[in-house]
Amino acid sequence: MFWLQRLNPANEFKEYFELAHAVSPALKDEVFRLRHRVFCDELGFEQAMLDGRERDEFDDQSRHLLLRSVKTGQCVGCVRLVMAHPDRPALPLPFEKLYAAVDGLGEQNPARLARASIAEISRLTLAREFRRKRRGDGKAEIAKDKPVGAAHPTYPYMHLGLYLGAIALAEQLGICKLFLLTEPRLLVHFRRLGLPVHQIGPPIEHRGLRVLSTADVVDPNNQLPKAAPAVGASVSADGVGSLPDGAVIRDAAGKRYRIQGGKPVPLQ
């Protein structure tokens, strides 16, 4: 975590990126188009669609976050928070479908939790130029090196910012427990950053080996890496995007804001 200690995370993150809550049809369209480029055109995980948009049955019950380059305006990343279906809460979340026949989740089994209190962080996506190739194969993984320059930063805070944005959004929505299905190497990387994610259950095969992790959303301050609280403050205070007026949020220092005109206003 030495690079986190050397850099000013909030300034570095805000210099390159802005995070928006993709509520409008136009912003959602950017999310779906980026997902199509990554999951359909580049990785071949999903079937290519004629309209160039990757969507599934969970998108209507999800909140979406969009990561944009400040310098170019390009959509460079996105993630979604999948919540229980409002009309049919017993319907499984994506990870529940995959783990339906798997034992070993124990006390973390979502069947033991109130449906309105859980959500899944899903479709964590980065544009090709912000991923790097693994040694020995042609597939790409999420970049995790230091920036190599302002023109083309291979930036370690991109997936961190998306993840923290999802946590901040979950806290605002009253979610208590988050689930995340990732490659093992990404889980290891999150742990190195200090994120309190914990593997539950055995690994499964799903487009490669995947592990299921969980994190509590009790106090957002406790969800943030101790070495990088300013990244969380930047995401939760400045990256609120299209949150409705009147919504109250907190930054990593515990300071409270009310959304007015799409912007956070400090509360006295």
C-alpha atoms as a PDB file:
ATOM      1  CA  MET A   1       0.000   0.000   0.000  1.00  0.00           C
ATOM      2  CA  PHE A   2       3.017   2.306  -0.284  1.00  0.00           C
ATOM      3  CA  TRP A   3       1.752   4.002  -3.444  1.00  0.00           C
ATOM      4  CA  LEU A   4      -1.445   4.933  -1.600  1.00  0.00           C
ATOM      5  CA  GLN A   5       0.611   6.623   1.088  1.00  0.00           C
ATOM      6  CA  ARG A   6       2.771   8.526  -1.404  1.00  0.00           C
ATOM      7  CA  LEU A   7      -0.053   9.983  -3.491  1.00  0.00           C
ATOM      8  CA  ASN A   8      -2.917  12.268  -2.568  1.00  0.00           C
ATOM      9  CA  PRO A   9      -5.742   9.919  -3.569  1.00  0.00           C
ATOM     10  CA  ALA A  10      -8.553  12.461  -3.785  1.00  0.00           C
ATOM     11  CA  ASN A  11      -6.575  14.869  -5.941  1.00  0.00           C
ATOM     12  CA  GLU A  12      -5.282  12.091  -8.176  1.00  0.00           C
ATOM     13  CA  PHE A  13      -8.729  10.550  -8.624  1.00  0.00           C
ATOM     14  CA  LYS A  14     -10.448  13.883  -9.340  1.00  0.00           C
ATOM     15  CA  GLU A  15      -7.694  14.934 -11.746  1.00  0.00           C
ATOM     16  CA  TYR A  16      -8.488  12.046 -14.066  1.00  0.00           C
ATOM     17  CA  PHE A  17     -12.033  10.846 -13.348  1.00  0.00           C
ATOM     18  CA  GLU A  18     -15.531  11.772 -12.295  1.00  0.00           C
ATOM     19  CA  LEU A  19     -18.157   9.336 -11.040  1.00  0.00           C
ATOM     20  CA  ALA A  20     -21.829   9.788 -11.899  1.00  0.00           C
ATOM     21  CA  HIS A  21     -25.014   8.075 -10.783  1.00  0.00           C
ATOM     22  CA  ALA A  22     -26.401   6.964 -14.159  1.00  0.00           C
ATOM     23  CA  VAL A  23     -30.086   7.739 -13.729  1.00  0.00           C
ATOM     24  CA  SER A  24     -30.946   9.383 -17.048  1.00  0.00           C
ATOM     25  CA  PRO A  25     -31.561   7.296 -20.195  1.00  0.00           C
ATOM     26  CA  ALA A  26     -28.549   8.942 -21.845  1.00  0.00           C
ATOM     27  CA  LEU A  27     -26.144   7.941 -19.060  1.00  0.00           C
ATOM     28  CA  LYS A  28     -27.573   4.431 -18.879  1.00  0.00           C
ATOM     29  CA  ASP A  29     -27.063   4.152 -22.624  1.00  0.00           C
ATOM     30  CA  GLU A  30     -23.358   4.916 -22.138  1.00  0.00           C
ATOM     31  CA  VAL A  31     -23.183   2.194 -19.486  1.00  0.00           C
ATOM     32  CA  PHE A  32     -24.829  -0.409 -21.729  1.00  0.00           C
ATOM     33  CA  ARG A  33     -22.647   0.494 -24.710  1.00  0.00           C
ATOM     34  CA  LEU A  34     -19.437   0.211 -22.686  1.00  0.00           C
ATOM     35  CA  ARG A  35     -20.552  -3.150 -21.316  1.00  0.00           C
ATOM     36  CA  HIS A  36     -21.235  -4.354 -24.846  1.00  0.00           C
ATOM     37  CA  ARG A  37     -17.771  -3.342 -26.026  1.00  0.00           C
ATOM     38  CA  VAL A  38     -16.105  -5.116 -23.108  1.00  0.00           C
ATOM     39  CA  PHE A  39     -18.277  -8.187 -22.437  1.00  0.00           C
ATOM     40  CA  CYS A  40     -19.476  -8.886 -26.000  1.00  0.00           C
ATOM     41  CA  ASP A  41     -16.931  -7.499 -28.472  1.00  0.00           C
ATOM     42  CA  GLU A  42     -13.679  -7.892 -26.532  1.00  0.00           C
ATOM     43  CA  LEU A  43     -14.124 -10.735 -24.042  1.00  0.00           C
ATOM     44  CA  GLY A  44     -16.925 -12.698 -25.720  1.00  0.00           C
ATOM     45  CA  PHE A  45     -18.700 -13.321 -22.404  1.00  0.00           C
ATOM     46  CA  GLU A  46     -22.111 -12.259 -23.717  1.00  0.00           C
ATOM     47  CA  GLN A  47     -23.833 -12.534 -27.070  1.00  0.00           C
ATOM     48  CA  ALA A  48     -23.348  -9.502 -29.311  1.00  0.00           C
ATOM     49  CA  MET A  49     -26.495  -7.450 -29.846  1.00  0.00           C
ATOM     50  CA  LEU A  50     -27.490  -5.579 -32.985  1.00  0.00           C
ATOM     51  CA  ASP A  51     -28.061  -2.342 -31.078  1.00  0.00           C
ATOM     52  CA  GLY A  52     -24.602  -2.487 -29.449  1.00  0.00           C
ATOM     53  CA  ARG A  53     -25.947  -2.483 -25.887  1.00  0.00           C
ATOM     54  CA  GLU A  54     -25.398  -5.216 -23.296  1.00  0.00           C
ATOM     55  CA  ARG A  55     -28.375  -5.562 -20.942  1.00  0.00           C
ATOM     56  CA  ASP A  56     -29.987  -8.331 -18.941  1.00  0.00           C
ATOM     57  CA  GLU A  57     -33.015  -8.988 -16.759  1.00  0.00           C
ATOM     58  CA  PHE A  58     -31.336  -7.460 -13.689  1.00  0.00           C
ATOM     59  CA  ASP A  59     -30.745  -3.965 -15.056  1.00  0.00           C
ATOM     60  CA  ASP A  60     -34.227  -2.686 -14.253  1.00  0.00           C
ATOM     61  CA  GLN A  61     -33.731  -3.488 -10.555  1.00  0.00           C
ATOM     62  CA  SER A  62     -30.235  -1.987 -10.456  1.00  0.00           C
ATOM     63  CA  ARG A  63     -28.597   1.367  -9.833  1.00  0.00           C
ATOM     64  CA  HIS A  64     -25.747   2.173 -12.205  1.00  0.00           C
ATOM     65  CA  LEU A  65     -22.544   4.169 -11.711  1.00  0.00           C
ATOM     66  CA  LEU A  66     -20.543   5.599 -14.602  1.00  0.00           C
ATOM     67  CA  LEU A  67     -16.853   6.540 -14.505  1.00  0.00           C
ATOM     68  CA  ARG A  68     -15.838   9.209 -17.000  1.00  0.00           C
ATOM     69  CA  SER A  69     -12.470  10.675 -18.017  1.00  0.00           C
ATOM     70  CA  VAL A  70     -12.283  14.330 -17.011  1.00  0.00           C
ATOM     71  CA  LYS A  71      -9.898  15.139 -19.861  1.00  0.00           C
ATOM     72  CA  THR A  72     -11.769  13.459 -22.733  1.00  0.00           C
ATOM     73  CA  GLY A  73     -15.326  12.974 -21.457  1.00  0.00           C
ATOM     74  CA  GLN A  74     -15.030   9.299 -22.435  1.00  0.00           C
ATOM     75  CA  CYS A  75     -16.934   6.656 -20.485  1.00  0.00           C
ATOM     76  CA  VAL A  76     -14.107   4.505 -19.122  1.00  0.00           C
ATOM     77  CA  GLY A  77     -15.798   2.356 -16.467  1.00  0.00           C
ATOM     78  CA  CYS A  78     -19.065   1.372 -14.876  1.00  0.00           C
ATOM     79  CA  VAL A  79     -20.576  -0.825 -12.206  1.00  0.00           C
ATOM     80  CA  ARG A  80     -24.090  -1.663 -11.058  1.00  0.00           C
ATOM     81  CA  LEU A  81     -25.717  -2.347  -7.721  1.00  0.00           C
ATOM     82  CA  VAL A  82     -28.308  -5.108  -8.158  1.00  0.00           C
ATOM     83  CA  MET A  83     -31.033  -5.041  -5.519  1.00  0.00           C
ATOM     84  CA  ALA A  84     -33.924  -7.366  -4.791  1.00  0.00           C
ATOM     85  CA  HIS A  85     -36.784  -7.036  -7.259  1.00  0.00           C
ATOM     86  CA  PRO A  86     -39.250  -4.540  -5.745  1.00  0.00           C
ATOM     87  CA  ASP A  87     -42.339  -6.546  -6.730  1.00  0.00           C
ATOM     88  CA  ARG A  88     -40.905 -10.060  -6.510  1.00  0.00           C
ATOM     89  CA  PRO A  89     -38.182  -9.895  -3.837  1.00  0.00           C
ATOM     90  CA  ALA A  90     -37.813 -13.676  -3.657  1.00  0.00           C
ATOM     91  CA  LEU A  91     -36.292 -13.752  -7.151  1.00  0.00           C
ATOM     92  CA  PRO A  92     -32.558 -14.572  -6.925  1.00  0.00           C
ATOM     93  CA  LEU A  93     -29.785 -12.076  -7.529  1.00  0.00           C
ATOM     94  CA  PRO A  94     -27.185 -13.028 -10.181  1.00  0.00           C
ATOM     95  CA  PHE A  95     -24.784 -14.693  -7.733  1.00  0.00           C
ATOM     96  CA  GLU A  96     -27.654 -16.613  -6.109  1.00  0.00           C
ATOM     97  CA  LYS A  97     -28.431 -18.300  -9.414  1.00  0.00           C
ATOM     98  CA  LEU A  98     -24.817 -19.445  -9.703  1.00  0.00           C
ATOM     99  CA  TYR A  99     -24.628 -20.638  -6.078  1.00  0.00           C
ATOM    100  CA  ALA A 100     -28.083 -22.229  -5.933  1.00  0.00           C
ATOM    101  CA  ALA A 101     -26.651 -25.743  -5.693  1.00  0.00           C
ATOM    102  CA  VAL A 102     -23.591 -24.835  -3.586  1.00  0.00           C
ATOM    103  CA  ASP A 103     -23.386 -25.490   0.145  1.00  0.00           C
ATOM    104  CA  GLY A 104     -21.032 -23.787   2.543  1.00  0.00           C
ATOM    105  CA  LEU A 105     -22.228 -20.167   2.694  1.00  0.00           C
ATOM    106  CA  GLY A 106     -23.184 -20.629   6.346  1.00  0.00           C
ATOM    107  CA  GLU A 107     -24.300 -17.516   8.192  1.00  0.00           C
ATOM    108  CA  GLN A 108     -23.608 -15.438   5.078  1.00  0.00           C
ATOM    109  CA  ASN A 109     -26.280 -17.292   3.140  1.00  0.00           C
ATOM    110  CA  PRO A 110     -28.540 -14.580   1.670  1.00  0.00           C
ATOM    111  CA  ALA A 111     -31.581 -16.753   2.396  1.00  0.00           C
ATOM    112  CA  ARG A 112     -31.106 -15.823   6.077  1.00  0.00           C
ATOM    113  CA  LEU A 113     -31.160 -12.086   5.378  1.00  0.00           C
ATOM    114  CA  ALA A 114     -33.944  -9.618   4.689  1.00  0.00           C
ATOM    115  CA  ARG A 115     -34.177  -9.230   0.934  1.00  0.00           C
ATOM    116  CA  ALA A 116     -34.372  -5.445   1.077  1.00  0.00           C
ATOM    117  CA  SER A 117     -31.100  -5.346   3.020  1.00  0.00           C
ATOM    118  CA  ILE A 118     -28.856  -7.046   0.439  1.00  0.00           C
ATOM    119  CA  ALA A 119     -27.447  -6.134  -2.965  1.00  0.00           C
ATOM    120  CA  GLU A 120     -24.822  -7.400  -5.384  1.00  0.00           C
ATOM    121  CA  ILE A 121     -22.004  -5.368  -6.932  1.00  0.00           C
ATOM    122  CA  SER A 122     -22.033  -6.562 -10.523  1.00  0.00           C
ATOM    123  CA  ARG A 123     -20.752  -5.829 -14.042  1.00  0.00           C
ATOM    124  CA  LEU A 124     -17.601  -4.063 -12.830  1.00  0.00           C
ATOM    125  CA  THR A 125     -16.281  -2.836 -16.187  1.00  0.00           C
ATOM    126  CA  LEU A 126     -13.236  -0.946 -17.458  1.00  0.00           C
ATOM    127  CA  ALA A 127     -12.569   0.186 -21.028  1.00  0.00           C
ATOM    128  CA  ARG A 128      -9.832  -1.715 -22.875  1.00  0.00           C
ATOM    129  CA  GLU A 129      -7.250   1.074 -22.685  1.00  0.00           C
ATOM    130  CA  PHE A 130      -7.504   1.020 -18.886  1.00  0.00           C
ATOM    131  CA  ARG A 131      -6.940  -2.697 -18.576  1.00  0.00           C
ATOM    132  CA  ARG A 132      -3.688  -4.541 -19.061  1.00  0.00           C
ATOM    133  CA  LYS A 133      -2.910  -7.956 -20.500  1.00  0.00           C
ATOM    134  CA  ARG A 134      -2.005 -10.823 -18.257  1.00  0.00           C
ATOM    135  CA  ARG A 135       1.322 -12.434 -18.862  1.00  0.00           C
ATOM    136  CA  GLY A 136       1.022 -15.372 -21.206  1.00  0.00           C
ATOM    137  CA  ASP A 137      -2.414 -14.780 -22.660  1.00  0.00           C
ATOM    138  CA  GLY A 138      -4.422 -12.310 -24.673  1.00  0.00           C
ATOM    139  CA  LYS A 139      -7.111 -11.540 -22.145  1.00  0.00           C
ATOM    140  CA  ALA A 140      -7.071  -8.360 -20.138  1.00  0.00           C
ATOM    141  CA  GLU A 141      -7.354  -7.752 -16.443  1.00  0.00           C
ATOM    142  CA  ILE A 142      -8.095  -4.645 -14.453  1.00  0.00           C
ATOM    143  CA  ALA A 143      -5.110  -2.356 -14.338  1.00  0.00           C
ATOM    144  CA  LYS A 144      -3.396  -2.113 -10.974  1.00  0.00           C
ATOM    145  CA  ASP A 145      -0.129  -0.314 -11.597  1.00  0.00           C
ATOM    146  CA  LYS A 146       0.734   3.305 -10.922  1.00  0.00           C
ATOM    147  CA  PRO A 147      -0.183   5.918 -13.558  1.00  0.00           C
ATOM    148  CA  VAL A 148       2.162   5.928 -16.557  1.00  0.00           C
ATOM    149  CA  GLY A 149       1.287   9.441 -17.641  1.00  0.00           C
ATOM    150  CA  ALA A 150      -1.587  11.874 -17.952  1.00  0.00           C
ATOM    151  CA  ALA A 151      -2.195  10.977 -21.599  1.00  0.00           C
ATOM    152  CA  HIS A 152      -2.715   7.305 -20.856  1.00  0.00           C
ATOM    153  CA  PRO A 153      -2.922   6.551 -17.118  1.00  0.00           C
ATOM    154  CA  THR A 154      -2.954   2.888 -16.189  1.00  0.00           C
ATOM    155  CA  TYR A 155      -4.703   3.955 -13.037  1.00  0.00           C
ATOM    156  CA  PRO A 156      -5.026   1.917  -9.823  1.00  0.00           C
ATOM    157  CA  TYR A 157      -7.873   3.967  -8.408  1.00  0.00           C
ATOM    158  CA  MET A 158     -10.392   3.231 -11.170  1.00  0.00           C
ATOM    159  CA  HIS A 159     -11.780  -0.019  -9.832  1.00  0.00           C
ATOM    160  CA  LEU A 160     -11.286   1.252  -6.271  1.00  0.00           C
ATOM    161  CA  GLY A 161     -13.379   4.322  -7.086  1.00  0.00           C
ATOM    162  CA  LEU A 162     -16.129   2.225  -8.678  1.00  0.00           C
ATOM    163  CA  TYR A 163     -16.218  -0.131  -5.712  1.00  0.00           C
ATOM    164  CA  LEU A 164     -16.287   2.694  -3.148  1.00  0.00           C
ATOM    165  CA  GLY A 165     -18.952   4.437  -5.193  1.00  0.00           C
ATOM    166  CA  ALA A 166     -21.092   1.310  -5.012  1.00  0.00           C
ATOM    167  CA  ILE A 167     -20.587   1.154  -1.231  1.00  0.00           C
ATOM    168  CA  ALA A 168     -21.553   4.819  -0.837  1.00  0.00           C
ATOM    169  CA  LEU A 169     -24.650   4.302  -2.972  1.00  0.00           C
ATOM    170  CA  ALA A 170     -25.594   1.173  -1.019  1.00  0.00           C
ATOM    171  CA  GLU A 171     -25.348   3.089   2.252  1.00  0.00           C
ATOM    172  CA  GLN A 172     -27.622   5.822   0.885  1.00  0.00           C
ATOM    173  CA  LEU A 173     -30.174   3.186  -0.172  1.00  0.00           C
ATOM    174  CA  GLY A 174     -30.216   1.447   3.220  1.00  0.00           C
ATOM    175  CA  ILE A 175     -28.404  -1.699   2.047  1.00  0.00           C
ATOM    176  CA  CYS A 176     -26.680  -3.596   4.882  1.00  0.00           C
ATOM    177  CA  LYS A 177     -24.894  -6.450   3.096  1.00  0.00           C
ATOM    178  CA  LEU A 178     -23.076  -6.473  -0.240  1.00  0.00           C
ATOM    179  CA  PHE A 179     -22.034  -9.482  -2.326  1.00  0.00           C
ATOM    180  CA  LEU A 180     -19.382  -9.465  -5.044  1.00  0.00           C
ATOM    181  CA  LEU A 181     -18.363 -12.209  -7.507  1.00  0.00           C
ATOM    182  CA  THR A 182     -14.856 -11.662  -8.888  1.00  0.00           C
ATOM    183  CA  GLU A 183     -11.677 -13.299 -10.091  1.00  0.00           C
ATOM    184  CA  PRO A 184      -9.504 -14.414  -7.161  1.00  0.00           C
ATOM    185  CA  ARG A 185      -6.756 -11.956  -8.146  1.00  0.00           C
ATOM    186  CA  LEU A 186      -9.151  -8.990  -7.848  1.00  0.00           C
ATOM    187  CA  LEU A 187     -10.239 -10.098  -4.387  1.00  0.00           C
ATOM    188  CA  VAL A 188      -6.569 -10.285  -3.350  1.00  0.00           C
ATOM    189  CA  HIS A 189      -5.993  -6.810  -4.751  1.00  0.00           C
ATOM    190  CA  PHE A 190      -8.970  -5.353  -2.870  1.00  0.00           C
ATOM    191  CA  ARG A 191      -7.633  -6.848   0.357  1.00  0.00           C
ATOM    192  CA  ARG A 192      -4.212  -5.327  -0.251  1.00  0.00           C
ATOM    193  CA  LEU A 193      -5.910  -1.959  -0.587  1.00  0.00           C
ATOM    194  CA  GLY A 194      -7.476  -2.484   2.826  1.00  0.00           C
ATOM    195  CA  LEU A 195     -11.058  -3.074   1.715  1.00  0.00           C
ATOM    196  CA  PRO A 196     -12.979  -5.232   4.224  1.00  0.00           C
ATOM    197  CA  VAL A 197     -14.167  -7.903   1.787  1.00  0.00           C
ATOM    198  CA  HIS A 198     -14.301 -11.534   2.894  1.00  0.00           C
ATOM    199  CA  GLN A 199     -14.572 -14.632   0.753  1.00  0.00           C
ATOM    200  CA  ILE A 200     -17.491 -16.927   1.502  1.00  0.00           C
ATOM    201  CA  GLY A 201     -18.174 -20.318   0.005  1.00  0.00           C
ATOM    202  CA  PRO A 202     -16.016 -22.260  -2.439  1.00  0.00           C
ATOM    203  CA  PRO A 203     -14.720 -20.961  -5.793  1.00  0.00           C
ATOM    204  CA  ILE A 204     -16.886 -21.747  -8.812  1.00  0.00           C
ATOM    205  CA  GLU A 205     -16.342 -21.903 -12.560  1.00  0.00           C
ATOM    206  CA  HIS A 206     -18.072 -19.008 -14.337  1.00  0.00           C
ATOM    207  CA  ARG A 207     -16.154 -17.638 -17.325  1.00  0.00           C
ATOM    208  CA  GLY A 208     -13.065 -18.676 -15.432  1.00  0.00           C
ATOM    209  CA  LEU A 209     -12.581 -19.224 -11.722  1.00  0.00           C
ATOM    210  CA  ARG A 210     -14.651 -16.893  -9.555  1.00  0.00           C
ATOM    211  CA  VAL A 211     -14.945 -16.344  -5.810  1.00  0.00           C
ATOM    212  CA  LEU A 212     -17.870 -14.903  -3.873  1.00  0.00           C
ATOM    213  CA  SER A 213     -17.143 -12.194  -1.315  1.00  0.00           C
ATOM    214  CA  THR A 214     -19.224 -10.124   1.052  1.00  0.00           C
ATOM    215  CA  ALA A 215     -18.914  -6.828   2.914  1.00  0.00           C
ATOM    216  CA  ASP A 216     -21.068  -5.195   5.549  1.00  0.00           C
ATOM    217  CA  VAL A 217     -22.418  -1.694   4.973  1.00  0.00           C
ATOM    218  CA  VAL A 218     -22.809  -0.477   8.547  1.00  0.00           C
ATOM    219  CA  ASP A 219     -20.621   2.604   8.827  1.00  0.00           C
ATOM    220  CA  PRO A 220     -19.194   3.916   5.545  1.00  0.00           C
ATOM    221  CA  ASN A 221     -16.093   5.167   7.371  1.00  0.00           C
ATOM    222  CA  ASN A 222     -15.247   1.572   8.277  1.00  0.00           C
ATOM    223  CA  GLN A 223     -15.613   0.468   4.666  1.00  0.00           C
ATOM    224  CA  LEU A 224     -12.786   2.651   3.414  1.00  0.00           C
ATOM    225  CA  PRO A 225      -9.086   1.759   3.231  1.00  0.00           C
ATOM    226  CA  LYS A 226      -7.323   3.542   6.075  1.00  0.00           C
ATOM    227  CA  ALA A 227      -4.585   4.687   3.696  1.00  0.00           C
ATOM    228  CA  ALA A 228      -7.028   6.202   1.212  1.00  0.00           C
ATOM    229  CA  PRO A 229      -9.963   7.887   2.972  1.00  0.00           C
ATOM    230  CA  ALA A 230      -9.769  10.823   0.577  1.00  0.00           C
ATOM    231  CA  VAL A 231     -10.695   8.603  -2.373  1.00  0.00           C
ATOM    232  CA  GLY A 232     -13.882   7.635  -0.601  1.00  0.00           C
ATOM    233  CA  ALA A 233     -14.605  11.259   0.246  1.00  0.00           C
ATOM    234  CA  SER A 234     -14.134  12.217  -3.402  1.00  0.00           C
ATOM    235  CA  VAL A 235     -16.474   9.485  -4.577  1.00  0.00           C
ATOM    236  CA  SER A 236     -19.243   9.895  -2.028  1.00  0.00           C
ATOM    237  CA  ALA A 237     -19.247  13.686  -1.861  1.00  0.00           C
ATOM    238  CA  ASP A 238     -18.291  14.773  -5.384  1.00  0.00           C
ATOM    239  CA  GLY A 239     -19.420  11.805  -7.448  1.00  0.00           C
ATOM    240  CA  VAL A 240     -23.082  11.832  -6.484  1.00  0.00           C
ATOM    241  CA  GLY A 241     -24.183  12.553 -10.049  1.00  0.00           C
ATOM    242  CA  SER A 242     -27.954  12.471 -10.379  1.00  0.00           C
ATOM    243  CA  LEU A 243     -28.990  11.722  -6.807  1.00  0.00           C
ATOM    244  CA  PRO A 244     -32.367  13.320  -6.057  1.00  0.00           C
ATOM    245  CA  ASP A 245     -32.538  16.677  -4.337  1.00  0.00           C
ATOM    246  CA  GLY A 246     -32.952  16.301  -0.590  1.00  0.00           C
ATOM    247  CA  ALA A 247     -30.861  13.124  -0.332  1.00  0.00           C
ATOM    248  CA  VAL A 248     -28.398  13.197   2.578  1.00  0.00           C
ATOM    249  CA  ILE A 249     -24.965  11.611   2.185  1.00  0.00           C
ATOM    250  CA  ARG A 250     -21.738  11.476   4.190  1.00  0.00           C
ATOM    251  CA  ASP A 251     -18.111  11.617   3.134  1.00  0.00           C
ATOM    252  CA  ALA A 252     -15.307   9.447   4.524  1.00  0.00           C
ATOM    253  CA  ALA A 253     -14.721  11.909   7.383  1.00  0.00           C
ATOM    254  CA  GLY A 254     -18.354  11.651   8.468  1.00  0.00           C
ATOM    255  CA  LYS A 255     -19.337  15.112   7.229  1.00  0.00           C
ATOM    256  CA  ARG A 256     -22.956  15.250   6.069  1.00  0.00           C
ATOM    257  CA  TYR A 257     -24.218  16.808   2.831  1.00  0.00           C
ATOM    258  CA  ARG A 258     -27.658  17.422   1.345  1.00  0.00           C
ATOM    259  CA  ILE A 259     -28.091  17.200  -2.433  1.00  0.00           C
ATOM    260  CA  GLN A 260     -29.380  20.471  -3.888  1.00  0.00           C
ATOM    261  CA  GLY A 261     -29.483  21.055  -7.623  1.00  0.00           C
ATOM    262  CA  GLY A 262     -27.405  17.922  -8.198  1.00  0.00           C
ATOM    263  CA  LYS A 263     -24.595  19.138  -5.930  1.00  0.00           C
ATOM    264  CA  PRO A 264     -23.652  18.260  -2.327  1.00  0.00           C
ATOM    265  CA  VAL A 265     -24.188  21.137   0.134  1.00  0.00           C
ATOM    266  CA  PRO A 266     -22.571  20.765   3.588  1.00  0.00           C
ATOM    267  CA  LEU A 267     -25.003  20.519   6.484  1.00  0.00           C
ATOM    268  CA  GLN A 268     -24.343  22.545   9.599  1.00  0.00           C
END
